[in-house]
C-alpha cells in the first residue's frame, strides 16, 4: 500500500501545471495561499479527530525537530529553483535537470538513511532517465541558459534532500502533523512577500482546490507511503509525474504528445513496474 499511496500522490501533483496555468499568478502567491488553505483544512482535520494534544505529545525535542523544520525550507527552495529554471532555460532542460533527484537520493540514501541501493534500483533510474530524455527531446543548452540549468540541478538536489528528510522522520511523527508544520512554516516565510499581492476572484476556486487536493490529500498520502517505502524507490516513482502531466495535458488542454514522448512514458512506467515487483519490497 505504501507504493500505491506515493504513486497516487505523484499523479495528483502531475495536474499542478493545469491549475497554475489557469491561475496565472506569481509562484510565491500561489504557494502561500494553497499552503494557507491546506493548513486550515489540516487543523480542522486535527480538531475533528480530537488528536491535537496527542499530536503535540509526539514532538521529540531532539534532532528530529530540526529535520521537521527543514522540510518546508527544502520545499520552498526546490519550488523556487524549479520556477527559476523554467524562466531561464527551456522546459525540457528544467524538467530533465530537476529529475536528477533520484540519482542524488541513490547516492545519499546509504549515507544518511543506511539504505542499501540495489542494482535493480540503478537500472530503474537509468530507464526512467532515458524515458524522460525521450519525452522531452533531450537537452540543448545555449550560453545564456546555464543559469537555468544550474538552477534545475539545484532543484533536483533540494528535492532529493526533501525526500530524505521525509523518509527520515515519517515514522517519528503523525503525517498530519508533518504537513501542518510544513504549511505553517511556508506561510510564515512567504507572508512578508505577498502582503500587497491581490488575488483575483477567478483564482480563488483553483487555490481552494489546490489547497485541499494538492496540498492536503496528496502530501498525507505521500508521507504515509514513506512509512514503508525506501527513499530511492520513492524518488524513481517521482518520474510518474511528467507522464501524468502529459496525459492530463492531452485530456484537458488537447496537447498531443509526439511518438518519442509516448515511448519515453512507456520506459518510465516500466521502471515503476520494476520497483513495484522487486522481490520482498512491495508493501
Protein backbone atom coordinates (compact mmCIF):
# COMPACT_ATOMS: atom_id res chain seq x y z
CA UNK A 1 0.00 0.00 0.00
CA UNK A 2 2.90 2.38 0.64
CA UNK A 3 3.93 2.36 -3.03
CA UNK A 4 0.34 2.92 -4.21
CA UNK A 5 -0.05 5.88 -1.86
CA UNK A 6 3.10 7.52 -3.19
CA UNK A 7 2.06 6.90 -6.81
CA UNK A 8 -1.41 8.36 -6.07
CA UNK A 9 0.15 11.50 -4.56
CA UNK A 10 2.51 11.92 -7.52
CA UNK A 11 -0.33 11.55 -10.03
CA UNK A 12 -2.31 14.21 -8.14
CA UNK A 13 0.69 16.55 -8.31
CA UNK A 14 1.02 15.90 -12.05
CA UNK A 15 -2.10 18.05 -12.54
CA UNK A 16 -0.50 21.10 -10.93
CA UNK A 17 0.57 22.56 -14.28
CA UNK A 18 -3.05 22.81 -15.42
CA UNK A 19 -4.06 24.70 -12.26
CA UNK A 20 -1.04 27.01 -12.34
CA UNK A 21 -1.80 27.88 -15.96
CA UNK A 22 -5.42 28.67 -15.05
CA UNK A 23 -4.42 30.88 -12.10
CA UNK A 24 -1.62 32.90 -13.80
CA UNK A 25 -0.20 34.43 -10.61
CA UNK A 26 3.36 34.66 -9.20
CA UNK A 27 4.71 31.42 -7.74
CA UNK A 28 5.05 32.83 -4.22
CA UNK A 29 1.40 33.92 -4.15
CA UNK A 30 0.17 30.53 -5.34
CA UNK A 31 2.33 28.67 -2.83
CA UNK A 32 1.27 30.94 0.06
CA UNK A 33 -2.48 30.71 -0.48
CA UNK A 34 -2.52 26.98 -1.19
CA UNK A 35 -0.45 26.45 1.97
CA UNK A 36 -2.85 28.66 3.95
CA UNK A 37 -5.93 26.77 2.71
CA UNK A 38 -4.18 23.45 3.34
CA UNK A 39 -3.09 24.46 6.84
CA UNK A 40 -6.66 25.45 7.74
CA UNK A 41 -8.03 22.16 6.37
CA UNK A 42 -5.44 20.17 8.29
CA UNK A 43 -6.12 22.00 11.56
CA UNK A 44 -9.84 21.22 11.11
CA UNK A 45 -9.00 17.56 10.48
CA UNK A 46 -6.81 17.50 13.58
CA UNK A 47 -9.60 19.03 15.67
CA UNK A 48 -12.25 16.68 14.29
CA UNK A 49 -10.04 13.72 15.15
CA UNK A 50 -9.64 15.10 18.65
CA UNK A 51 -5.94 14.40 18.49
CA UNK A 52 -4.35 17.84 18.96
CA UNK A 53 -2.90 17.00 22.35
CA UNK A 54 -1.73 13.60 21.16
CA UNK A 55 -0.06 15.19 18.12
CA UNK A 56 1.74 17.74 20.28
CA UNK A 57 2.96 14.97 22.58
CA UNK A 58 4.75 13.36 19.61
CA UNK A 59 7.18 16.28 19.41
CA UNK A 60 10.62 15.00 20.24
CA UNK A 61 12.97 17.71 21.45
CA UNK A 62 15.93 16.28 19.63
CA UNK A 63 17.46 16.25 16.15
CA UNK A 64 14.10 15.27 14.60
CA UNK A 65 12.62 18.74 15.34
CA UNK A 66 15.39 20.30 13.27
CA UNK A 67 14.69 17.85 10.42
CA UNK A 68 10.95 18.57 10.65
CA UNK A 69 11.56 22.32 10.26
CA UNK A 70 13.97 21.75 7.39
CA UNK A 71 11.21 20.15 5.28
CA UNK A 72 9.36 23.42 4.44
CA UNK A 73 12.69 25.18 3.80
CA UNK A 74 13.70 22.48 1.29
CA UNK A 75 10.21 22.58 -0.21
CA UNK A 76 10.43 26.33 -0.86
CA UNK A 77 14.00 26.12 -2.17
CA UNK A 78 13.01 23.29 -4.51
CA UNK A 79 9.94 25.12 -5.82
CA UNK A 80 11.65 28.46 -6.42
CA UNK A 81 14.71 26.89 -8.07
CA UNK A 82 12.42 24.89 -10.35
CA UNK A 83 10.47 28.02 -11.31
CA UNK A 84 13.75 29.90 -11.89
CA UNK A 85 14.88 27.09 -14.19
CA UNK A 86 11.62 27.36 -16.15
CA UNK A 87 12.20 31.10 -16.57
CA UNK A 88 15.86 30.88 -17.65
CA UNK A 89 16.05 27.80 -19.84
CA UNK A 90 13.75 25.55 -21.84
CA UNK A 91 11.04 23.48 -20.15
CA UNK A 92 12.83 20.32 -21.33
CA UNK A 93 16.11 21.41 -19.74
CA UNK A 94 14.36 22.41 -16.50
CA UNK A 95 12.49 19.12 -16.13
CA UNK A 96 15.43 16.87 -17.11
CA UNK A 97 17.80 18.61 -14.68
CA UNK A 98 15.18 18.63 -11.90
CA UNK A 99 14.77 14.87 -12.19
CA UNK A 100 18.41 14.30 -11.34
CA UNK A 101 16.88 13.92 -7.85
CA UNK A 102 16.74 10.08 -7.95
CA UNK A 103 20.48 9.95 -8.68
CA UNK A 104 21.19 12.24 -5.70
CA UNK A 105 18.91 10.12 -3.50
CA UNK A 106 20.59 6.88 -4.60
CA UNK A 107 23.99 8.35 -3.72
CA UNK A 108 22.96 9.90 -0.40
CA UNK A 109 20.46 7.35 0.99
CA UNK A 110 23.16 4.84 2.01
CA UNK A 111 24.95 7.64 3.92
CA UNK A 112 22.01 9.38 5.61
CA UNK A 113 19.44 6.57 5.89
CA UNK A 114 21.68 3.48 5.77
CA UNK A 115 19.60 2.19 2.85
CA UNK A 116 21.26 -0.32 0.54
CA UNK A 117 20.80 0.61 -3.12
CA UNK A 118 20.20 -2.47 -5.27
CA UNK A 119 21.34 -2.99 -8.86
CA UNK A 120 17.68 -3.05 -9.93
CA UNK A 121 17.28 0.45 -8.48
CA UNK A 122 20.15 1.82 -10.60
CA UNK A 123 18.65 0.10 -13.68
CA UNK A 124 15.27 1.69 -12.95
CA UNK A 125 16.95 5.11 -12.62
CA UNK A 126 18.69 4.58 -15.97
CA UNK A 127 15.45 3.56 -17.72
CA UNK A 128 13.49 6.43 -16.16
CA UNK A 129 16.14 8.98 -17.12
CA UNK A 130 16.22 7.65 -20.70
CA UNK A 131 12.42 7.79 -20.80
CA UNK A 132 12.35 11.38 -19.57
CA UNK A 133 15.03 12.30 -22.14
CA UNK A 134 12.88 10.86 -24.93
CA UNK A 135 9.75 12.58 -23.63
CA UNK A 136 11.38 15.99 -23.61
CA UNK A 137 13.57 15.65 -26.69
CA UNK A 138 16.94 15.66 -24.95
CA UNK A 139 18.85 18.62 -23.59
CA UNK A 140 20.41 21.51 -25.50
CA UNK A 141 21.96 24.46 -23.69
CA UNK A 142 22.73 27.89 -25.13
CA UNK A 143 25.27 30.10 -23.39
CA UNK A 144 22.59 32.25 -21.73
CA UNK A 145 20.74 29.23 -20.35
CA UNK A 146 23.39 27.87 -18.00
CA UNK A 147 21.91 29.72 -15.02
CA UNK A 148 18.63 27.89 -15.63
CA UNK A 149 20.36 24.53 -15.97
CA UNK A 150 22.30 25.06 -12.74
CA UNK A 151 19.05 26.06 -11.01
CA UNK A 152 17.38 22.91 -12.36
CA UNK A 153 20.14 20.68 -11.00
CA UNK A 154 19.97 22.54 -7.68
CA UNK A 155 16.21 21.97 -7.55
CA UNK A 156 16.90 18.27 -8.09
CA UNK A 157 19.33 18.32 -5.17
CA UNK A 158 16.86 20.07 -2.85
CA UNK A 159 14.13 17.66 -3.96
CA UNK A 160 16.44 14.79 -3.03
CA UNK A 161 17.03 16.32 0.42
CA UNK A 162 13.25 16.72 0.81
CA UNK A 163 12.74 13.01 0.07
CA UNK A 164 15.48 12.01 2.52
CA UNK A 165 14.06 14.27 5.25
CA UNK A 166 10.51 12.92 4.89
CA UNK A 167 11.75 9.35 4.86
CA UNK A 168 13.88 10.07 7.93
CA UNK A 169 11.02 11.35 10.11
CA UNK A 170 7.96 9.64 8.58
CA UNK A 171 7.95 7.01 11.32
CA UNK A 172 8.52 9.52 14.14
CA UNK A 173 5.59 11.93 13.65
CA UNK A 174 1.95 11.62 12.51
CA UNK A 175 1.69 12.51 8.82
CA UNK A 176 -0.93 15.17 9.59
CA UNK A 177 1.46 16.93 11.97
CA UNK A 178 4.27 16.87 9.39
CA UNK A 179 2.18 18.54 6.67
CA UNK A 180 0.67 21.07 9.11
CA UNK A 181 4.13 22.17 10.24
CA UNK A 182 5.23 22.44 6.61
CA UNK A 183 2.31 24.67 5.64
CA UNK A 184 2.56 26.90 8.72
CA UNK A 185 6.30 27.50 8.21
CA UNK A 186 5.81 28.10 4.46
CA UNK A 187 3.10 30.71 5.18
CA UNK A 188 5.26 32.48 7.77
CA UNK A 189 8.26 32.59 5.41
CA UNK A 190 6.24 33.92 2.47
CA UNK A 191 3.91 36.32 4.32
CA UNK A 192 6.19 39.41 4.10
CA UNK A 193 6.46 38.99 0.32
CA UNK A 194 2.77 38.58 -0.59
CA UNK A 195 1.01 41.10 1.69
CA UNK A 196 0.48 43.57 -1.16
CA UNK A 197 -0.29 40.94 -3.81
CA UNK A 198 -4.00 40.95 -4.79
CA UNK A 199 -5.83 37.70 -5.55
CA UNK A 200 -8.29 37.68 -8.45
CA UNK A 201 -11.73 36.26 -7.69
CA UNK A 202 -11.42 33.81 -10.58
CA UNK A 203 -8.31 32.33 -8.95
CA UNK A 204 -9.98 31.52 -5.61
CA UNK A 205 -11.69 28.23 -6.65
CA UNK A 206 -8.41 26.91 -8.08
CA UNK A 207 -6.48 27.92 -4.95
CA UNK A 208 -9.02 26.21 -2.72
CA UNK A 209 -8.90 23.01 -4.80
CA UNK A 210 -5.11 23.07 -4.76
CA UNK A 211 -5.09 23.62 -1.01
CA UNK A 212 -7.44 20.68 -0.36
CA UNK A 213 -6.30 18.21 -3.02
CA UNK A 214 -2.67 19.03 -3.90
CA UNK A 215 -1.52 20.35 -0.52
CA UNK A 216 -3.57 18.21 1.88
CA UNK A 217 -4.67 14.90 0.36
CA UNK A 218 -1.54 14.33 -1.75
CA UNK A 219 1.03 15.15 0.99
CA UNK A 220 -0.81 12.97 3.52
CA UNK A 221 -0.70 10.05 1.09
CA UNK A 222 2.97 10.78 0.31
CA UNK A 223 4.09 10.87 3.94
CA UNK A 224 2.04 7.76 4.79
CA UNK A 225 3.72 5.96 1.93
CA UNK A 226 7.17 6.77 3.26
CA UNK A 227 6.49 4.69 6.34
CA UNK A 228 7.15 1.60 4.23
CA UNK A 229 8.87 2.78 1.02
CA UNK A 230 12.60 3.33 0.54
CA UNK A 231 13.72 6.85 -0.37
CA UNK A 232 15.38 5.69 -3.62
CA UNK A 233 12.20 3.89 -4.74
CA UNK A 234 10.03 6.94 -3.98
CA UNK A 235 12.41 9.14 -5.98
CA UNK A 236 12.12 6.86 -9.03
CA UNK A 237 8.33 6.76 -8.74
CA UNK A 238 8.50 10.56 -8.96
CA UNK A 239 9.12 10.11 -12.70
CA UNK A 240 5.41 9.24 -12.95
CA UNK A 241 4.70 12.96 -12.51
CA UNK A 242 5.77 14.11 -16.01
CA UNK A 243 3.97 11.09 -17.50
CA UNK A 244 0.78 12.07 -15.68
CA UNK A 245 1.26 15.71 -16.71
CA UNK A 246 1.47 14.77 -20.40
CA UNK A 247 -1.65 12.58 -20.17
CA UNK A 248 -3.63 15.29 -18.38
CA UNK A 249 -2.45 17.92 -20.88
CA UNK A 250 -3.71 15.63 -23.64
CA UNK A 251 -7.10 15.21 -21.96
CA UNK A 252 -7.76 18.76 -20.71
CA UNK A 253 -5.59 21.00 -22.91
CA UNK A 254 -5.65 18.90 -26.10
CA UNK A 255 -1.85 18.93 -26.31
CA UNK A 256 -0.87 15.92 -28.44
CA UNK A 257 2.47 14.37 -27.40
CA UNK A 258 4.90 13.14 -30.09
CA UNK A 259 5.67 9.43 -30.51
CA UNK A 260 9.02 9.85 -28.71
CA UNK A 261 7.20 11.21 -25.66
CA UNK A 262 4.90 8.19 -25.61
CA UNK A 263 7.87 5.83 -25.89
CA UNK A 264 9.60 7.68 -23.05
CA UNK A 265 6.46 7.35 -20.96
CA UNK A 266 6.44 3.60 -21.54
CA UNK A 267 10.06 3.35 -20.30
CA UNK A 268 9.19 5.33 -17.17
CA UNK A 269 6.15 3.19 -16.46
CA UNK A 270 8.23 0.05 -16.97
CA UNK A 271 10.82 1.30 -14.47
CA UNK A 272 7.98 1.89 -12.00
CA UNK A 273 6.76 -1.67 -12.52
CA UNK A 274 10.32 -2.88 -11.83
CA UNK A 275 10.29 -1.06 -8.50
CA UNK A 276 6.88 -2.47 -7.58
CA UNK A 277 7.84 -6.04 -8.46
CA UNK A 278 11.17 -6.18 -6.67
CA UNK A 279 11.06 -9.32 -4.55
CA UNK A 280 10.11 -8.66 -0.96
CA UNK A 281 9.74 -4.91 -1.48
CA UNK A 282 6.03 -4.43 -2.24
CA UNK A 283 4.13 -3.06 0.77
